[in-house]
Amino acid sequence: TYLSEEGHACNIAKLMIDAGYKRTQVENAIRLSESPIPVPSKGRGIKSGSKPISEYRREFGDKIGHFWILQHTKGRSYKTTFFDTNYWKSEVHNAFALGVGDIASLSLWGNRSERHRMFSEHLYAENVVLTKSGDREVYEWQQIPGRDNHLFDGVVGCLVAASILGIRKPNETKTI
């Protein structure tokens, strides 16, 4: 529990920790927390020629959602959230392209661009290319060498966590 600027008590409902780097340390930290809230997560850049998450084989206890899956991994003690980074990075950029206040839009507060310069640099630290394989088209994202994209990845993780918690746009599929 933490307090907002207005003094309201707030609780964290979902905490995803990137397990793509130092997975063992991430899992140890989660285990030591003794809380069900933090979960390891791992983004996968699923390409147009690859099987989408919606077609993954579901094992007992797995949850498949909108471009994400919560599943057990062999040899690991925790379920991990895997998500399609290509889809979710496109969603972040699409959300910022919408009008302020539109359904599913994202916007920054205030009108002083210098306050958001680093955040913007992270959002634009990757190139995107539309690829096609058969009937499937995918915008594939690739980090530009020497540029930081950590804040971009953080926003992506927030959208995935919101989807896992049941927050959906009108066109999103339900969890199975």
Protein backbone atom coordinates (compact mmCIF):
# COMPACT_ATOMS: atom_id res chain seq x y z
CA THR A 1 0.00 0.00 0.00
CA TYR A 2 1.21 3.50 -0.80
CA LEU A 3 -0.35 6.94 -0.64
CA SER A 4 -1.25 9.01 -3.69
CA GLU A 5 -0.46 12.72 -3.81
CA GLU A 6 -4.00 13.31 -2.51
CA GLY A 7 -3.39 10.95 0.44
CA HIS A 8 -5.54 8.05 -0.82
CA ALA A 9 -4.34 4.52 -0.07
CA CYS A 10 -3.45 2.65 -3.27
CA ASN A 11 -2.60 -1.01 -3.75
CA ILE A 12 -0.62 -2.66 -6.51
CA ALA A 13 -2.75 -5.29 -8.27
CA LYS A 14 -0.13 -6.65 -10.69
CA LEU A 15 3.64 -6.26 -10.78
CA MET A 16 5.40 -7.73 -13.80
CA ILE A 17 9.18 -8.00 -13.62
CA ASP A 18 11.17 -8.46 -16.83
CA ALA A 19 12.74 -11.90 -16.60
CA GLY A 20 14.56 -11.60 -19.90
CA TYR A 21 17.71 -10.59 -18.06
CA LYS A 22 18.95 -12.40 -14.95
CA ARG A 23 15.87 -14.62 -14.69
CA THR A 24 17.18 -16.52 -11.65
CA GLN A 25 17.64 -13.30 -9.67
CA VAL A 26 14.15 -12.14 -10.70
CA GLU A 27 12.58 -15.41 -9.56
CA ASN A 28 14.54 -15.34 -6.28
CA ALA A 29 13.30 -11.80 -5.57
CA ILE A 30 9.72 -12.85 -6.31
CA ARG A 31 10.02 -15.91 -4.06
CA LEU A 32 11.47 -13.79 -1.21
CA SER A 33 8.60 -11.29 -1.54
CA GLU A 34 6.14 -14.04 -0.50
CA SER A 35 3.45 -12.23 -2.47
CA PRO A 36 1.27 -13.41 -5.37
CA ILE A 37 1.37 -9.94 -6.97
CA PRO A 38 4.80 -9.93 -8.69
CA VAL A 39 5.22 -12.29 -11.65
CA PRO A 40 8.10 -12.78 -14.08
CA SER A 41 7.35 -11.59 -17.60
CA LYS A 42 9.08 -11.99 -20.93
CA GLY A 43 8.35 -10.25 -24.20
CA ARG A 44 8.63 -12.14 -27.47
CA GLY A 45 8.79 -10.36 -30.81
CA ILE A 46 6.41 -12.67 -32.66
CA LYS A 47 6.96 -12.26 -36.39
CA SER A 48 4.48 -12.54 -39.25
CA GLY A 49 5.75 -16.04 -40.12
CA SER A 50 5.46 -17.29 -36.52
CA LYS A 51 2.50 -18.78 -34.68
CA PRO A 52 0.57 -16.08 -32.76
CA ILE A 53 0.00 -16.55 -29.03
CA SER A 54 -3.72 -17.18 -29.65
CA GLU A 55 -2.69 -20.44 -31.38
CA TYR A 56 -0.34 -21.66 -28.64
CA ARG A 57 -1.16 -25.03 -27.11
CA ARG A 58 -2.69 -24.44 -23.72
CA GLU A 59 -1.62 -26.68 -20.83
CA PHE A 60 -3.56 -27.18 -17.62
CA GLY A 61 -3.44 -23.95 -15.58
CA ASP A 62 -2.35 -21.72 -18.46
CA LYS A 63 -4.28 -18.55 -19.25
CA ILE A 64 -4.31 -17.14 -22.76
CA GLY A 65 -5.35 -13.52 -23.14
CA HIS A 66 -5.12 -10.76 -25.71
CA PHE A 67 -1.62 -11.30 -27.16
CA TRP A 68 -0.30 -12.73 -23.86
CA ILE A 69 -0.14 -16.09 -22.08
CA LEU A 70 0.45 -16.90 -18.42
CA GLN A 71 2.07 -20.33 -18.33
CA HIS A 72 4.31 -22.68 -16.43
CA THR A 73 7.79 -23.07 -17.84
CA LYS A 74 9.67 -26.34 -17.46
CA GLY A 75 12.16 -26.24 -14.61
CA ARG A 76 10.69 -23.04 -13.15
CA SER A 77 8.70 -22.70 -9.96
CA TYR A 78 6.51 -19.82 -11.15
CA LYS A 79 4.19 -19.09 -14.00
CA THR A 80 5.59 -16.52 -16.40
CA THR A 81 3.68 -14.02 -18.50
CA PHE A 82 4.84 -14.14 -22.11
CA PHE A 83 3.56 -11.43 -24.43
CA ASP A 84 3.90 -10.36 -28.05
CA THR A 85 6.11 -7.26 -27.97
CA ASN A 86 5.42 -6.46 -31.62
CA TYR A 87 1.69 -6.22 -30.98
CA TRP A 88 1.94 -4.31 -27.70
CA LYS A 89 4.55 -1.82 -28.95
CA SER A 90 2.23 -1.03 -31.86
CA GLU A 91 -0.61 -0.59 -29.36
CA VAL A 92 1.42 1.95 -27.36
CA HIS A 93 2.09 4.04 -30.46
CA ASN A 94 -1.53 3.70 -31.62
CA ALA A 95 -2.76 4.85 -28.19
CA PHE A 96 -0.58 7.98 -28.28
CA ALA A 97 -1.85 8.76 -31.81
CA LEU A 98 -5.47 8.98 -30.57
CA GLY A 99 -7.02 12.19 -29.34
CA VAL A 100 -6.69 13.08 -25.66
CA GLY A 101 -9.58 11.48 -23.80
CA ASP A 102 -10.50 9.06 -26.60
CA ILE A 103 -11.19 5.45 -25.60
CA ALA A 104 -7.87 3.57 -25.28
CA SER A 105 -5.77 6.71 -25.70
CA LEU A 106 -2.57 7.52 -23.84
CA SER A 107 -1.38 11.06 -23.23
CA LEU A 108 1.17 12.91 -21.13
CA TRP A 109 0.28 15.60 -18.64
CA GLY A 110 1.08 19.27 -19.18
CA ASN A 111 2.33 21.09 -22.25
CA ARG A 112 6.05 21.57 -21.52
CA SER A 113 7.87 19.26 -23.92
CA GLU A 114 11.19 19.39 -22.03
CA ARG A 115 9.54 17.49 -19.17
CA HIS A 116 8.86 14.58 -21.51
CA ARG A 117 11.97 14.63 -23.71
CA MET A 118 13.65 11.49 -22.30
CA PHE A 119 10.35 9.58 -22.28
CA SER A 120 9.77 10.51 -25.93
CA GLU A 121 13.30 9.47 -26.87
CA HIS A 122 12.65 6.04 -25.39
CA LEU A 123 9.33 5.73 -27.27
CA TYR A 124 11.14 6.45 -30.53
CA ALA A 125 14.21 4.30 -29.88
CA GLU A 126 12.97 1.59 -32.23
CA ASN A 127 12.23 1.28 -35.92
CA VAL A 128 9.14 -0.50 -37.15
CA VAL A 129 8.62 -2.41 -40.40
CA LEU A 130 5.40 -3.96 -41.72
CA THR A 131 6.05 -7.60 -42.65
CA LYS A 132 3.76 -10.13 -44.28
CA SER A 133 3.72 -13.92 -44.34
CA GLY A 134 0.71 -15.50 -46.02
CA ASP A 135 -2.37 -13.65 -44.78
CA ARG A 136 -0.68 -12.44 -41.59
CA GLU A 137 0.72 -8.91 -41.36
CA VAL A 138 2.78 -7.77 -38.39
CA TYR A 139 4.54 -4.55 -37.49
CA GLU A 140 7.94 -5.73 -36.28
CA TRP A 141 9.91 -3.52 -33.90
CA GLN A 142 13.70 -3.39 -33.67
CA GLN A 143 15.74 -1.29 -31.25
CA ILE A 144 18.02 1.30 -32.84
CA PRO A 145 21.61 0.56 -31.74
CA GLY A 146 22.84 2.89 -29.01
CA ARG A 147 19.38 4.14 -28.03
CA ASP A 148 17.58 3.38 -24.76
CA ASN A 149 14.06 1.94 -24.92
CA HIS A 150 13.52 0.98 -21.26
CA LEU A 151 10.66 3.42 -20.66
CA PHE A 152 8.98 2.21 -23.87
CA ASP A 153 9.24 -1.36 -22.56
CA GLY A 154 7.80 -0.17 -19.24
CA VAL A 155 4.71 1.31 -20.90
CA VAL A 156 4.28 -1.91 -22.89
CA GLY A 157 4.39 -3.89 -19.64
CA CYS A 158 1.75 -1.62 -18.10
CA LEU A 159 -0.63 -2.23 -21.02
CA VAL A 160 -0.06 -5.99 -20.78
CA ALA A 161 -0.68 -5.92 -17.01
CA ALA A 162 -3.90 -3.94 -17.56
CA SER A 163 -5.05 -6.54 -20.08
CA ILE A 164 -4.28 -9.36 -17.63
CA LEU A 165 -6.36 -7.57 -14.98
CA GLY A 166 -9.31 -7.47 -17.39
CA ILE A 167 -9.06 -3.95 -18.78
CA ARG A 168 -9.93 -4.22 -22.45
CA LYS A 169 -10.62 -2.10 -25.46
CA PRO A 170 -13.99 -2.82 -27.09
CA ASN A 171 -12.38 -5.05 -29.77
CA GLU A 172 -10.17 -7.15 -27.45
CA THR A 173 -10.71 -10.86 -26.92
CA LYS A 174 -11.48 -12.26 -23.49
CA THR A 175 -9.10 -14.46 -21.53
CA ILE A 176 -9.54 -18.23 -21.96
